[in-house]
Amino acid sequence: MSTLIIRFSPISNVAMLVPLLESMTRLQPNEKFVVASRTFLQPLFADLPNTTFIGVDLRNQHKGAIGTLKLLKEIKKQKIDKVIDLQNNTKSIFLKTLLKIQSPCTKLYTIKHQWINELLLLKNGYEHSKPLKSIFELYNECFSKANLKTDKNFEKLPNLSDSIPQKITNLYGDKKGTWIGIAPFAQHQGKILPSKKIKEVISHFDKKANTKIFLFGAGEVEYEMLSDWETLFNNTFAVYTSLNLKEEIELMHHLDVMISMDSANMHLASLVNLPVISIWGASHHCAGSLGWKQSESNIVENSLSCRPCSILGRKRNKRCPIKYKCLDINPKTIIEKIEKNL
């Protein structure tokens, strides 16, 4: 049997697929899995057994209806028996409909969103709402309908190197003390701690002996800011552009702790079994997006009744002033959490 799993974006939700997929490859060794996701995320699936990755370029090659037909042609080569749609948007619906038309015996399974419960959470706040099902639970429900078993035994990605790769030591030297990762950005402003506060955290640890800090980000604007911070501190390094995704994951594997907003880097760090101090602002972990096996005791947040503003942190609550009150977090609180983990 061959099962196609569709999940294009966001990055965090694609990363959250990995632990469950790894367990499915162990529990169903005779099943072949095909993952259709954004091309640059291929390293997340490269070492999973019985797994084929199909890269999707939504901006160019696979854009629009014609691009979907091209993607369909690539998928058909895999002789798919089941389609599990974890995206459930226009493109994925069009794609699986075409697969069904061309191969009527193909079985289709679609993730069930929890729109009503999300609306209730946003209206009433987390204090007066039941926590939403986690993304892992939603995925697992869909896999169960397809008669696929999962477990919670995933610890970290396979084939990670026990020794630090040569390219990383060439750039940053051998590890002789504490290595700390910091991912200070997120997709939406409501999830980003003010730069002044995160720089206080960096400054505190940059002064410590035998300590190196690695700044993770993506995009030109973020890289410019991280490069500026790199020049401000003595033992702080901007990782972006120096390493590709696979190499970043290898670096995370050798860190002692990661500090991250509610963003993709929290989930990437979770895939290498790295403890993450996660900082939450407009979004809230009760909406089901905490990283795999990450401890709630490592969460840093302001317990305001108006949270969350939105599930993804995209929209601001109308009662919120110009600046997000939820992001008025004392850097000392973050520092204490880090030192406790170290």
C-alpha atoms as a PDB file:
ATOM      1  CA  MET A   1       0.000   0.000   0.000  1.00  0.00           C
ATOM      2  CA  SER A   2       1.145   3.524  -0.766  1.00  0.00           C
ATOM      3  CA  THR A   3      -0.126   6.514   1.216  1.00  0.00           C
ATOM      4  CA  LEU A   4       0.197  10.145   0.099  1.00  0.00           C
ATOM      5  CA  ILE A   5       0.330  12.756   2.879  1.00  0.00           C
ATOM      6  CA  ILE A   6      -0.282  16.369   1.830  1.00  0.00           C
ATOM      7  CA  ARG A   7       0.937  19.196   4.073  1.00  0.00           C
ATOM      8  CA  PHE A   8       2.325  22.283   2.360  1.00  0.00           C
ATOM      9  CA  SER A   9       2.561  24.842   5.160  1.00  0.00           C
ATOM     10  CA  PRO A  10       3.174  26.411   7.644  1.00  0.00           C
ATOM     11  CA  ILE A  11       6.667  25.112   8.454  1.00  0.00           C
ATOM     12  CA  SER A  12       5.765  24.417  12.082  1.00  0.00           C
ATOM     13  CA  ASN A  13       2.847  22.182  11.085  1.00  0.00           C
ATOM     14  CA  VAL A  14       5.010  20.272   8.616  1.00  0.00           C
ATOM     15  CA  ALA A  15       7.615  19.705  11.337  1.00  0.00           C
ATOM     16  CA  MET A  16       4.859  18.464  13.659  1.00  0.00           C
ATOM     17  CA  LEU A  17       4.076  15.722  11.144  1.00  0.00           C
ATOM     18  CA  VAL A  18       7.521  14.131  11.512  1.00  0.00           C
ATOM     19  CA  PRO A  19       7.177  12.396  14.937  1.00  0.00           C
ATOM     20  CA  LEU A  20       3.932  10.695  13.930  1.00  0.00           C
ATOM     21  CA  LEU A  21       5.202   9.737  10.493  1.00  0.00           C
ATOM     22  CA  GLU A  22       8.321   8.199  12.015  1.00  0.00           C
ATOM     23  CA  SER A  23       6.144   6.052  14.267  1.00  0.00           C
ATOM     24  CA  MET A  24       3.976   4.985  11.318  1.00  0.00           C
ATOM     25  CA  THR A  25       7.037   3.811   9.382  1.00  0.00           C
ATOM     26  CA  ARG A  26       8.009   1.647  12.382  1.00  0.00           C
ATOM     27  CA  LEU A  27       4.552   0.253  13.077  1.00  0.00           C
ATOM     28  CA  GLN A  28       3.648  -0.306   9.396  1.00  0.00           C
ATOM     29  CA  PRO A  29       6.959  -1.417   7.827  1.00  0.00           C
ATOM     30  CA  ASN A  30       5.232  -2.690   4.683  1.00  0.00           C
ATOM     31  CA  GLU A  31       3.474   0.623   4.030  1.00  0.00           C
ATOM     32  CA  LYS A  32       5.033   3.131   1.647  1.00  0.00           C
ATOM     33  CA  PHE A  33       4.597   6.804   2.537  1.00  0.00           C
ATOM     34  CA  VAL A  34       4.821   9.723   0.107  1.00  0.00           C
ATOM     35  CA  VAL A  35       4.995  13.239   1.554  1.00  0.00           C
ATOM     36  CA  ALA A  36       4.126  16.250  -0.608  1.00  0.00           C
ATOM     37  CA  SER A  37       5.441  19.413   1.022  1.00  0.00           C
ATOM     38  CA  ARG A  38       7.534  22.511   0.342  1.00  0.00           C
ATOM     39  CA  THR A  39      10.795  21.604  -1.337  1.00  0.00           C
ATOM     40  CA  PHE A  40      13.211  23.087   1.199  1.00  0.00           C
ATOM     41  CA  LEU A  41      11.702  20.946   3.991  1.00  0.00           C
ATOM     42  CA  GLN A  42      12.995  17.734   2.425  1.00  0.00           C
ATOM     43  CA  PRO A  43      15.742  17.280   5.102  1.00  0.00           C
ATOM     44  CA  LEU A  44      13.035  16.655   7.722  1.00  0.00           C
ATOM     45  CA  PHE A  45      12.001  13.469   5.922  1.00  0.00           C
ATOM     46  CA  ALA A  46      15.233  12.401   4.225  1.00  0.00           C
ATOM     47  CA  ASP A  47      16.202   9.681   6.710  1.00  0.00           C
ATOM     48  CA  LEU A  48      12.782   8.203   7.458  1.00  0.00           C
ATOM     49  CA  PRO A  49      12.413   4.631   6.143  1.00  0.00           C
ATOM     50  CA  ASN A  50       9.823   3.785   3.460  1.00  0.00           C
ATOM     51  CA  THR A  51       9.295   7.497   2.851  1.00  0.00           C
ATOM     52  CA  THR A  52       9.440   9.330  -0.471  1.00  0.00           C
ATOM     53  CA  PHE A  53       9.434  13.112  -0.537  1.00  0.00           C
ATOM     54  CA  ILE A  54       7.907  15.173  -3.356  1.00  0.00           C
ATOM     55  CA  GLY A  55       8.993  18.803  -3.276  1.00  0.00           C
ATOM     56  CA  VAL A  56       6.271  21.366  -3.984  1.00  0.00           C
ATOM     57  CA  ASP A  57       7.183  24.796  -5.348  1.00  0.00           C
ATOM     58  CA  LEU A  58       4.021  26.819  -4.755  1.00  0.00           C
ATOM     59  CA  ARG A  59       5.444  30.071  -6.115  1.00  0.00           C
ATOM     60  CA  ASN A  60       6.759  28.846  -9.455  1.00  0.00           C
ATOM     61  CA  GLN A  61       6.661  25.310 -10.817  1.00  0.00           C
ATOM     62  CA  HIS A  62       3.479  24.230  -9.017  1.00  0.00           C
ATOM     63  CA  LYS A  63       1.659  27.554  -8.953  1.00  0.00           C
ATOM     64  CA  GLY A  64      -1.997  27.667  -9.968  1.00  0.00           C
ATOM     65  CA  ALA A  65      -4.079  25.036 -11.776  1.00  0.00           C
ATOM     66  CA  ILE A  66      -1.393  24.238 -14.346  1.00  0.00           C
ATOM     67  CA  GLY A  67       1.156  23.800 -11.578  1.00  0.00           C
ATOM     68  CA  THR A  68      -1.215  21.463  -9.738  1.00  0.00           C
ATOM     69  CA  LEU A  69      -1.490  19.314 -12.881  1.00  0.00           C
ATOM     70  CA  LYS A  70       2.307  19.106 -12.996  1.00  0.00           C
ATOM     71  CA  LEU A  71       2.341  18.041  -9.351  1.00  0.00           C
ATOM     72  CA  LEU A  72      -0.371  15.464 -10.085  1.00  0.00           C
ATOM     73  CA  LYS A  73       1.812  13.960 -12.805  1.00  0.00           C
ATOM     74  CA  GLU A  74       4.691  13.536 -10.342  1.00  0.00           C
ATOM     75  CA  ILE A  75       2.445  11.997  -7.692  1.00  0.00           C
ATOM     76  CA  LYS A  76       0.844   9.496 -10.084  1.00  0.00           C
ATOM     77  CA  LYS A  77       4.244   7.840 -10.562  1.00  0.00           C
ATOM     78  CA  GLN A  78       4.023   6.652  -6.944  1.00  0.00           C
ATOM     79  CA  LYS A  79       0.800   4.621  -7.541  1.00  0.00           C
ATOM     80  CA  ILE A  80      -1.094   6.032  -4.577  1.00  0.00           C
ATOM     81  CA  ASP A  81      -3.762   3.970  -2.744  1.00  0.00           C
ATOM     82  CA  LYS A  82      -4.645   6.446   0.026  1.00  0.00           C
ATOM     83  CA  VAL A  83      -4.535  10.224   0.239  1.00  0.00           C
ATOM     84  CA  ILE A  84      -4.338  11.927   3.647  1.00  0.00           C
ATOM     85  CA  ASP A  85      -4.969  15.649   3.277  1.00  0.00           C
ATOM     86  CA  LEU A  86      -3.588  17.507   6.311  1.00  0.00           C
ATOM     87  CA  GLN A  87      -3.758  20.871   4.494  1.00  0.00           C
ATOM     88  CA  ASN A  88      -7.416  21.007   3.419  1.00  0.00           C
ATOM     89  CA  ASN A  89      -7.155  24.129   1.277  1.00  0.00           C
ATOM     90  CA  THR A  90      -8.145  24.845  -2.320  1.00  0.00           C
ATOM     91  CA  LYS A  91      -4.987  23.376  -3.823  1.00  0.00           C
ATOM     92  CA  SER A  92      -5.006  20.151  -1.795  1.00  0.00           C
ATOM     93  CA  ILE A  93      -8.732  19.626  -2.424  1.00  0.00           C
ATOM     94  CA  PHE A  94      -8.243  20.124  -6.182  1.00  0.00           C
ATOM     95  CA  LEU A  95      -5.280  17.766  -6.159  1.00  0.00           C
ATOM     96  CA  LYS A  96      -6.964  14.888  -4.315  1.00  0.00           C
ATOM     97  CA  THR A  97     -10.141  15.315  -6.395  1.00  0.00           C
ATOM     98  CA  LEU A  98      -8.118  14.837  -9.580  1.00  0.00           C
ATOM     99  CA  LEU A  99      -6.436  11.775  -8.070  1.00  0.00           C
ATOM    100  CA  LYS A 100      -9.837  10.325  -7.193  1.00  0.00           C
ATOM    101  CA  ILE A 101     -11.206  10.973 -10.681  1.00  0.00           C
ATOM    102  CA  GLN A 102      -8.262   9.287 -12.364  1.00  0.00           C
ATOM    103  CA  SER A 103      -8.082   6.424  -9.835  1.00  0.00           C
ATOM    104  CA  PRO A 104     -11.583   5.835  -8.390  1.00  0.00           C
ATOM    105  CA  CYS A 105     -10.292   3.193  -5.960  1.00  0.00           C
ATOM    106  CA  THR A 106      -8.115   5.766  -4.179  1.00  0.00           C
ATOM    107  CA  LYS A 107      -9.320   6.371  -0.615  1.00  0.00           C
ATOM    108  CA  LEU A 108      -9.406   9.970   0.649  1.00  0.00           C
ATOM    109  CA  TYR A 109      -9.008  11.192   4.250  1.00  0.00           C
ATOM    110  CA  THR A 110      -9.090  14.839   5.316  1.00  0.00           C
ATOM    111  CA  ILE A 111      -8.080  16.572   8.548  1.00  0.00           C
ATOM    112  CA  LYS A 112     -11.003  17.874  10.564  1.00  0.00           C
ATOM    113  CA  HIS A 113     -10.488  21.466  11.663  1.00  0.00           C
ATOM    114  CA  GLN A 114     -11.916  22.777  14.927  1.00  0.00           C
ATOM    115  CA  TRP A 115     -13.197  26.145  13.735  1.00  0.00           C
ATOM    116  CA  ILE A 116     -16.063  26.452  16.259  1.00  0.00           C
ATOM    117  CA  ASN A 117     -13.859  25.693  19.244  1.00  0.00           C
ATOM    118  CA  GLU A 118     -11.264  28.154  17.941  1.00  0.00           C
ATOM    119  CA  LEU A 119     -13.905  30.894  17.728  1.00  0.00           C
ATOM    120  CA  LEU A 120     -15.062  30.130  21.277  1.00  0.00           C
ATOM    121  CA  LEU A 121     -11.466  30.287  22.523  1.00  0.00           C
ATOM    122  CA  LEU A 122     -10.934  33.672  20.880  1.00  0.00           C
ATOM    123  CA  LYS A 123     -14.235  35.009  22.206  1.00  0.00           C
ATOM    124  CA  ASN A 124     -13.958  33.757  25.790  1.00  0.00           C
ATOM    125  CA  GLY A 125     -10.168  33.628  26.316  1.00  0.00           C
ATOM    126  CA  TYR A 126      -8.154  30.651  27.530  1.00  0.00           C
ATOM    127  CA  GLU A 127      -9.371  31.015  31.148  1.00  0.00           C
ATOM    128  CA  HIS A 128     -12.961  30.226  30.181  1.00  0.00           C
ATOM    129  CA  SER A 129     -12.364  27.743  27.360  1.00  0.00           C
ATOM    130  CA  LYS A 130     -11.320  24.133  27.043  1.00  0.00           C
ATOM    131  CA  PRO A 131      -7.874  23.648  25.482  1.00  0.00           C
ATOM    132  CA  LEU A 132      -8.084  22.806  21.786  1.00  0.00           C
ATOM    133  CA  LYS A 133      -6.899  19.484  20.492  1.00  0.00           C
ATOM    134  CA  SER A 134      -3.214  19.648  19.628  1.00  0.00           C
ATOM    135  CA  ILE A 135      -2.072  19.485  16.014  1.00  0.00           C
ATOM    136  CA  PHE A 136      -0.653  16.070  16.856  1.00  0.00           C
ATOM    137  CA  GLU A 137      -4.103  14.879  17.974  1.00  0.00           C
ATOM    138  CA  LEU A 138      -5.766  16.220  14.824  1.00  0.00           C
ATOM    139  CA  TYR A 139      -3.179  14.466  12.658  1.00  0.00           C
ATOM    140  CA  ASN A 140      -3.546  11.263  14.636  1.00  0.00           C
ATOM    141  CA  GLU A 141      -7.334  11.256  14.221  1.00  0.00           C
ATOM    142  CA  CYS A 142      -6.869  11.476  10.462  1.00  0.00           C
ATOM    143  CA  PHE A 143      -4.288   8.671  10.445  1.00  0.00           C
ATOM    144  CA  SER A 144      -6.569   6.480  12.555  1.00  0.00           C
ATOM    145  CA  LYS A 145      -9.363   6.844  10.000  1.00  0.00           C
ATOM    146  CA  ALA A 146      -6.897   5.548   7.413  1.00  0.00           C
ATOM    147  CA  ASN A 147      -6.133   2.538   9.676  1.00  0.00           C
ATOM    148  CA  LEU A 148      -2.604   3.743  10.363  1.00  0.00           C
ATOM    149  CA  LYS A 149      -1.157   3.313  13.848  1.00  0.00           C
ATOM    150  CA  THR A 150       1.080   5.810  15.644  1.00  0.00           C
ATOM    151  CA  ASP A 151       2.799   5.981  19.021  1.00  0.00           C
ATOM    152  CA  LYS A 152       4.578   8.556  21.196  1.00  0.00           C
ATOM    153  CA  ASN A 153       8.034   6.954  21.151  1.00  0.00           C
ATOM    154  CA  PHE A 154       9.713   9.429  18.784  1.00  0.00           C
ATOM    155  CA  GLU A 155      12.757  11.027  20.440  1.00  0.00           C
ATOM    156  CA  LYS A 156      14.717  12.648  17.626  1.00  0.00           C
ATOM    157  CA  LEU A 157      15.419  12.519  13.914  1.00  0.00           C
ATOM    158  CA  PRO A 158      17.446   9.480  12.815  1.00  0.00           C
ATOM    159  CA  ASN A 159      21.040   9.667  11.596  1.00  0.00           C
ATOM    160  CA  LEU A 160      21.970  12.805  13.513  1.00  0.00           C
ATOM    161  CA  SER A 161      25.723  12.960  14.039  1.00  0.00           C
ATOM    162  CA  ASP A 162      27.075  12.364  17.549  1.00  0.00           C
ATOM    163  CA  SER A 163      30.073  14.514  16.670  1.00  0.00           C
ATOM    164  CA  ILE A 164      29.767  18.088  15.466  1.00  0.00           C
ATOM    165  CA  PRO A 165      30.038  18.268  11.645  1.00  0.00           C
ATOM    166  CA  GLN A 166      33.265  19.736  10.314  1.00  0.00           C
ATOM    167  CA  LYS A 167      31.561  22.702   8.630  1.00  0.00           C
ATOM    168  CA  ILE A 168      30.081  23.819  11.966  1.00  0.00           C
ATOM    169  CA  THR A 169      33.406  23.544  13.814  1.00  0.00           C
ATOM    170  CA  ASN A 170      35.108  25.451  10.981  1.00  0.00           C
ATOM    171  CA  LEU A 171      32.625  28.298  11.454  1.00  0.00           C
ATOM    172  CA  TYR A 172      32.198  28.329  15.229  1.00  0.00           C
ATOM    173  CA  GLY A 173      34.998  26.228  16.699  1.00  0.00           C
ATOM    174  CA  ASP A 174      34.836  23.159  18.923  1.00  0.00           C
ATOM    175  CA  LYS A 175      32.268  22.944  21.672  1.00  0.00           C
ATOM    176  CA  LYS A 176      34.047  23.600  24.976  1.00  0.00           C
ATOM    177  CA  GLY A 177      31.237  25.039  27.063  1.00  0.00           C
ATOM    178  CA  THR A 178      27.589  26.016  26.769  1.00  0.00           C
ATOM    179  CA  TRP A 179      25.875  26.539  23.426  1.00  0.00           C
ATOM    180  CA  ILE A 180      22.570  28.430  23.446  1.00  0.00           C
ATOM    181  CA  GLY A 181      20.217  28.911  20.507  1.00  0.00           C
ATOM    182  CA  ILE A 182      17.911  31.911  20.226  1.00  0.00           C
ATOM    183  CA  ALA A 183      15.195  32.271  17.582  1.00  0.00           C
ATOM    184  CA  PRO A 184      13.855  35.797  18.235  1.00  0.00           C
ATOM    185  CA  PHE A 185      11.399  36.065  15.334  1.00  0.00           C
ATOM    186  CA  ALA A 186       8.034  34.685  14.268  1.00  0.00           C
ATOM    187  CA  GLN A 187       5.762  35.134  11.276  1.00  0.00           C
ATOM    188  CA  HIS A 188       3.460  37.609  13.016  1.00  0.00           C
ATOM    189  CA  GLN A 189       4.289  40.673  15.109  1.00  0.00           C
ATOM    190  CA  GLY A 190       2.084  39.565  17.992  1.00  0.00           C
ATOM    191  CA  LYS A 191       4.438  36.677  18.717  1.00  0.00           C
ATOM    192  CA  ILE A 192       7.748  38.575  18.631  1.00  0.00           C
ATOM    193  CA  LEU A 193       9.342  39.786  21.853  1.00  0.00           C
ATOM    194  CA  PRO A 194      10.598  43.404  21.566  1.00  0.00           C
ATOM    195  CA  SER A 195      14.230  43.429  20.423  1.00  0.00           C
ATOM    196  CA  LYS A 196      15.335  45.415  23.482  1.00  0.00           C
ATOM    197  CA  LYS A 197      14.189  42.597  25.766  1.00  0.00           C
ATOM    198  CA  ILE A 198      15.740  39.755  23.784  1.00  0.00           C
ATOM    199  CA  LYS A 199      19.010  41.700  23.537  1.00  0.00           C
ATOM    200  CA  GLU A 200      19.088  41.856  27.346  1.00  0.00           C
ATOM    201  CA  VAL A 201      18.925  38.058  27.393  1.00  0.00           C
ATOM    202  CA  ILE A 202      21.692  37.805  24.805  1.00  0.00           C
ATOM    203  CA  SER A 203      23.849  40.298  26.683  1.00  0.00           C
ATOM    204  CA  HIS A 204      23.512  38.352  29.932  1.00  0.00           C
ATOM    205  CA  PHE A 205      24.802  35.088  28.479  1.00  0.00           C
ATOM    206  CA  ASP A 206      27.267  36.669  26.035  1.00  0.00           C
ATOM    207  CA  LYS A 207      29.288  37.854  29.026  1.00  0.00           C
ATOM    208  CA  LYS A 208      29.559  34.382  30.533  1.00  0.00           C
ATOM    209  CA  ALA A 209      32.761  32.384  30.035  1.00  0.00           C
ATOM    210  CA  ASN A 210      32.748  29.425  27.625  1.00  0.00           C
ATOM    211  CA  THR A 211      29.335  30.354  26.271  1.00  0.00           C
ATOM    212  CA  LYS A 212      28.312  30.826  22.647  1.00  0.00           C
ATOM    213  CA  ILE A 213      24.965  32.070  21.375  1.00  0.00           C
ATOM    214  CA  PHE A 214      23.529  31.151  17.973  1.00  0.00           C
ATOM    215  CA  LEU A 215      20.819  33.331  16.424  1.00  0.00           C
ATOM    216  CA  PHE A 216      18.323  31.614  14.129  1.00  0.00           C
ATOM    217  CA  GLY A 217      16.106  33.387  11.610  1.00  0.00           C
ATOM    218  CA  ALA A 218      15.048  33.481   7.970  1.00  0.00           C
ATOM    219  CA  GLY A 219      14.627  36.181   5.359  1.00  0.00           C
ATOM    220  CA  GLU A 220      16.671  39.237   4.449  1.00  0.00           C
ATOM    221  CA  VAL A 221      15.201  41.624   7.048  1.00  0.00           C
ATOM    222  CA  GLU A 222      15.757  39.156   9.882  1.00  0.00           C
ATOM    223  CA  TYR A 223      19.276  38.379   8.708  1.00  0.00           C
ATOM    224  CA  GLU A 224      20.221  42.068   8.629  1.00  0.00           C
ATOM    225  CA  MET A 225      19.044  42.497  12.204  1.00  0.00           C
ATOM    226  CA  LEU A 226      20.775  39.333  13.403  1.00  0.00           C
ATOM    227  CA  SER A 227      23.980  40.382  11.635  1.00  0.00           C
ATOM    228  CA  ASP A 228      23.846  43.706  13.497  1.00  0.00           C
ATOM    229  CA  TRP A 229      23.421  41.855  16.790  1.00  0.00           C
ATOM    230  CA  GLU A 230      26.356  39.629  15.920  1.00  0.00           C
ATOM    231  CA  THR A 231      28.573  42.717  15.741  1.00  0.00           C
ATOM    232  CA  LEU A 232      27.275  44.021  19.091  1.00  0.00           C
ATOM    233  CA  PHE A 233      28.305  40.960  21.076  1.00  0.00           C
ATOM    234  CA  ASN A 234      31.516  38.971  21.371  1.00  0.00           C
ATOM    235  CA  ASN A 235      30.307  35.370  21.396  1.00  0.00           C
ATOM    236  CA  THR A 236      27.126  35.611  19.363  1.00  0.00           C
ATOM    237  CA  PHE A 237      26.697  34.258  15.821  1.00  0.00           C
ATOM    238  CA  ALA A 238      24.018  34.780  13.159  1.00  0.00           C
ATOM    239  CA  VAL A 239      23.388  31.356  11.668  1.00  0.00           C
ATOM    240  CA  TYR A 240      21.192  32.255   8.685  1.00  0.00           C
ATOM    241  CA  THR A 241      22.936  31.953   5.237  1.00  0.00           C
ATOM    242  CA  SER A 242      25.937  30.230   6.847  1.00  0.00           C
ATOM    243  CA  LEU A 243      24.088  26.908   7.140  1.00  0.00           C
ATOM    244  CA  ASN A 244      21.310  25.208   5.198  1.00  0.00           C
ATOM    245  CA  LEU A 245      18.312  23.648   6.955  1.00  0.00           C
ATOM    246  CA  LYS A 246      19.928  20.236   7.427  1.00  0.00           C
ATOM    247  CA  GLU A 247      23.048  21.849   8.904  1.00  0.00           C
ATOM    248  CA  GLU A 248      20.948  24.084  11.177  1.00  0.00           C
ATOM    249  CA  ILE A 249      19.233  20.985  12.530  1.00  0.00           C
ATOM    250  CA  GLU A 250      22.638  19.374  13.130  1.00  0.00           C
ATOM    251  CA  LEU A 251      23.704  22.504  15.024  1.00  0.00           C
ATOM    252  CA  MET A 252      20.516  22.419  17.119  1.00  0.00           C
ATOM    253  CA  HIS A 253      21.328  18.816  17.982  1.00  0.00           C
ATOM    254  CA  HIS A 254      24.485  20.010  19.765  1.00  0.00           C
ATOM    255  CA  LEU A 255      22.940  22.971  21.608  1.00  0.00           C
ATOM    256  CA  ASP A 256      22.165  22.836  25.325  1.00  0.00           C
ATOM    257  CA  VAL A 257      18.933  24.839  25.169  1.00  0.00           C
ATOM    258  CA  MET A 258      16.876  26.855  22.678  1.00  0.00           C
ATOM    259  CA  ILE A 259      14.912  30.058  23.284  1.00  0.00           C
ATOM    260  CA  SER A 260      12.165  30.530  20.728  1.00  0.00           C
ATOM    261  CA  MET A 261       8.992  32.440  20.100  1.00  0.00           C
ATOM    262  CA  ASP A 262       5.896  30.436  19.137  1.00  0.00           C
ATOM    263  CA  SER A 263       7.487  29.725  15.766  1.00  0.00           C
ATOM    264  CA  ALA A 264       8.901  27.064  13.461  1.00  0.00           C
ATOM    265  CA  ASN A 265      12.235  26.923  15.297  1.00  0.00           C
ATOM    266  CA  MET A 266      10.499  25.631  18.431  1.00  0.00           C
ATOM    267  CA  HIS A 267       9.293  22.664  16.393  1.00  0.00           C
ATOM    268  CA  LEU A 268      12.594  22.092  14.584  1.00  0.00           C
ATOM    269  CA  ALA A 269      14.391  22.041  17.943  1.00  0.00           C
ATOM    270  CA  SER A 270      11.812  19.554  19.229  1.00  0.00           C
ATOM    271  CA  LEU A 271      12.837  17.150  16.451  1.00  0.00           C
ATOM    272  CA  VAL A 272      16.332  16.840  17.964  1.00  0.00           C
ATOM    273  CA  ASN A 273      15.055  16.448  21.543  1.00  0.00           C
ATOM    274  CA  LEU A 274      16.313  19.907  22.559  1.00  0.00           C
ATOM    275  CA  PRO A 275      14.560  21.644  25.487  1.00  0.00           C
ATOM    276  CA  VAL A 276      12.942  24.891  24.346  1.00  0.00           C
ATOM    277  CA  ILE A 277      12.158  27.948  26.436  1.00  0.00           C
ATOM    278  CA  SER A 278       9.114  29.059  24.433  1.00  0.00           C
ATOM    279  CA  ILE A 279       7.860  32.641  24.622  1.00  0.00           C
ATOM    280  CA  TRP A 280       4.169  33.246  23.913  1.00  0.00           C
ATOM    281  CA  GLY A 281       2.443  36.549  23.234  1.00  0.00           C
ATOM    282  CA  ALA A 282      -0.751  36.986  21.218  1.00  0.00           C
ATOM    283  CA  SER A 283      -1.038  33.227  20.641  1.00  0.00           C
ATOM    284  CA  HIS A 284      -1.453  30.599  23.379  1.00  0.00           C
ATOM    285  CA  HIS A 285      -0.215  27.043  23.817  1.00  0.00           C
ATOM    286  CA  CYS A 286      -3.746  25.894  24.734  1.00  0.00           C
ATOM    287  CA  ALA A 287      -4.531  26.227  21.006  1.00  0.00           C
ATOM    288  CA  GLY A 288      -2.508  23.060  20.463  1.00  0.00           C
ATOM    289  CA  SER A 289       0.803  24.232  19.001  1.00  0.00           C
ATOM    290  CA  LEU A 290       3.329  23.375  21.718  1.00  0.00           C
ATOM    291  CA  GLY A 291       6.335  21.462  20.361  1.00  0.00           C
ATOM    292  CA  TRP A 292       6.669  17.673  20.554  1.00  0.00           C
ATOM    293  CA  LYS A 293       7.271  16.598  24.190  1.00  0.00           C
ATOM    294  CA  GLN A 294       8.104  20.168  25.210  1.00  0.00           C
ATOM    295  CA  SER A 295       7.384  20.926  28.866  1.00  0.00           C
ATOM    296  CA  GLU A 296       4.786  23.522  29.823  1.00  0.00           C
ATOM    297  CA  SER A 297       7.114  24.424  32.699  1.00  0.00           C
ATOM    298  CA  ASN A 298       9.435  25.994  30.093  1.00  0.00           C
ATOM    299  CA  ILE A 299       6.748  28.341  28.781  1.00  0.00           C
ATOM    300  CA  VAL A 300       7.204  32.084  29.373  1.00  0.00           C
ATOM    301  CA  GLU A 301       4.055  34.192  29.074  1.00  0.00           C
ATOM    302  CA  ASN A 302       1.893  36.888  30.607  1.00  0.00           C
ATOM    303  CA  SER A 303      -1.333  35.334  31.866  1.00  0.00           C
ATOM    304  CA  LEU A 304      -3.731  37.948  30.491  1.00  0.00           C
ATOM    305  CA  SER A 305      -7.409  37.080  30.156  1.00  0.00           C
ATOM    306  CA  CYS A 306      -7.536  38.561  26.639  1.00  0.00           C
ATOM    307  CA  ARG A 307      -5.203  35.899  25.270  1.00  0.00           C
ATOM    308  CA  PRO A 308      -5.143  34.550  22.656  1.00  0.00           C
ATOM    309  CA  CYS A 309      -5.846  37.377  20.198  1.00  0.00           C
ATOM    310  CA  SER A 310      -5.844  34.828  17.384  1.00  0.00           C
ATOM    311  CA  ILE A 311      -4.829  31.223  16.944  1.00  0.00           C
ATOM    312  CA  LEU A 312      -1.793  32.134  14.834  1.00  0.00           C
ATOM    313  CA  GLY A 313      -1.078  35.471  16.489  1.00  0.00           C
ATOM    314  CA  ARG A 314      -1.967  37.280  13.282  1.00  0.00           C
ATOM    315  CA  LYS A 315      -4.727  39.579  14.566  1.00  0.00           C
ATOM    316  CA  ARG A 316      -4.701  41.943  17.508  1.00  0.00           C
ATOM    317  CA  ASN A 317      -7.555  41.964  19.991  1.00  0.00           C
ATOM    318  CA  LYS A 318      -9.604  45.162  19.613  1.00  0.00           C
ATOM    319  CA  ARG A 319      -9.188  45.801  23.344  1.00  0.00           C
ATOM    320  CA  CYS A 320      -5.405  45.677  22.996  1.00  0.00           C
ATOM    321  CA  PRO A 321      -3.529  49.017  23.035  1.00  0.00           C
ATOM    322  CA  ILE A 322      -0.962  50.041  20.425  1.00  0.00           C
ATOM    323  CA  LYS A 323       1.688  47.784  21.928  1.00  0.00           C
ATOM    324  CA  TYR A 324       1.006  44.166  22.850  1.00  0.00           C
ATOM    325  CA  LYS A 325       0.689  43.975  26.638  1.00  0.00           C
ATOM    326  CA  CYS A 326       1.196  40.225  26.443  1.00  0.00           C
ATOM    327  CA  LEU A 327       4.762  40.780  25.209  1.00  0.00           C
ATOM    328  CA  ASP A 328       5.720  42.967  28.166  1.00  0.00           C
ATOM    329  CA  ILE A 329       7.788  40.128  29.643  1.00  0.00           C
ATOM    330  CA  ASN A 330      10.660  40.711  32.038  1.00  0.00           C
ATOM    331  CA  PRO A 331      13.925  39.400  30.502  1.00  0.00           C
ATOM    332  CA  LYS A 332      14.945  38.156  33.966  1.00  0.00           C
ATOM    333  CA  THR A 333      12.112  35.625  33.798  1.00  0.00           C
ATOM    334  CA  ILE A 334      13.542  34.216  30.567  1.00  0.00           C
ATOM    335  CA  ILE A 335      17.084  34.193  31.964  1.00  0.00           C
ATOM    336  CA  GLU A 336      15.944  32.274  35.037  1.00  0.00           C
ATOM    337  CA  LYS A 337      14.236  29.644  32.870  1.00  0.00           C
ATOM    338  CA  ILE A 338      17.370  29.218  30.774  1.00  0.00           C
ATOM    339  CA  GLU A 339      19.673  28.901  33.761  1.00  0.00           C
ATOM    340  CA  LYS A 340      17.327  26.376  35.349  1.00  0.00           C
ATOM    341  CA  ASN A 341      17.597  24.220  32.216  1.00  0.00           C
ATOM    342  CA  LEU A 342      21.370  24.595  32.032  1.00  0.00           C
END
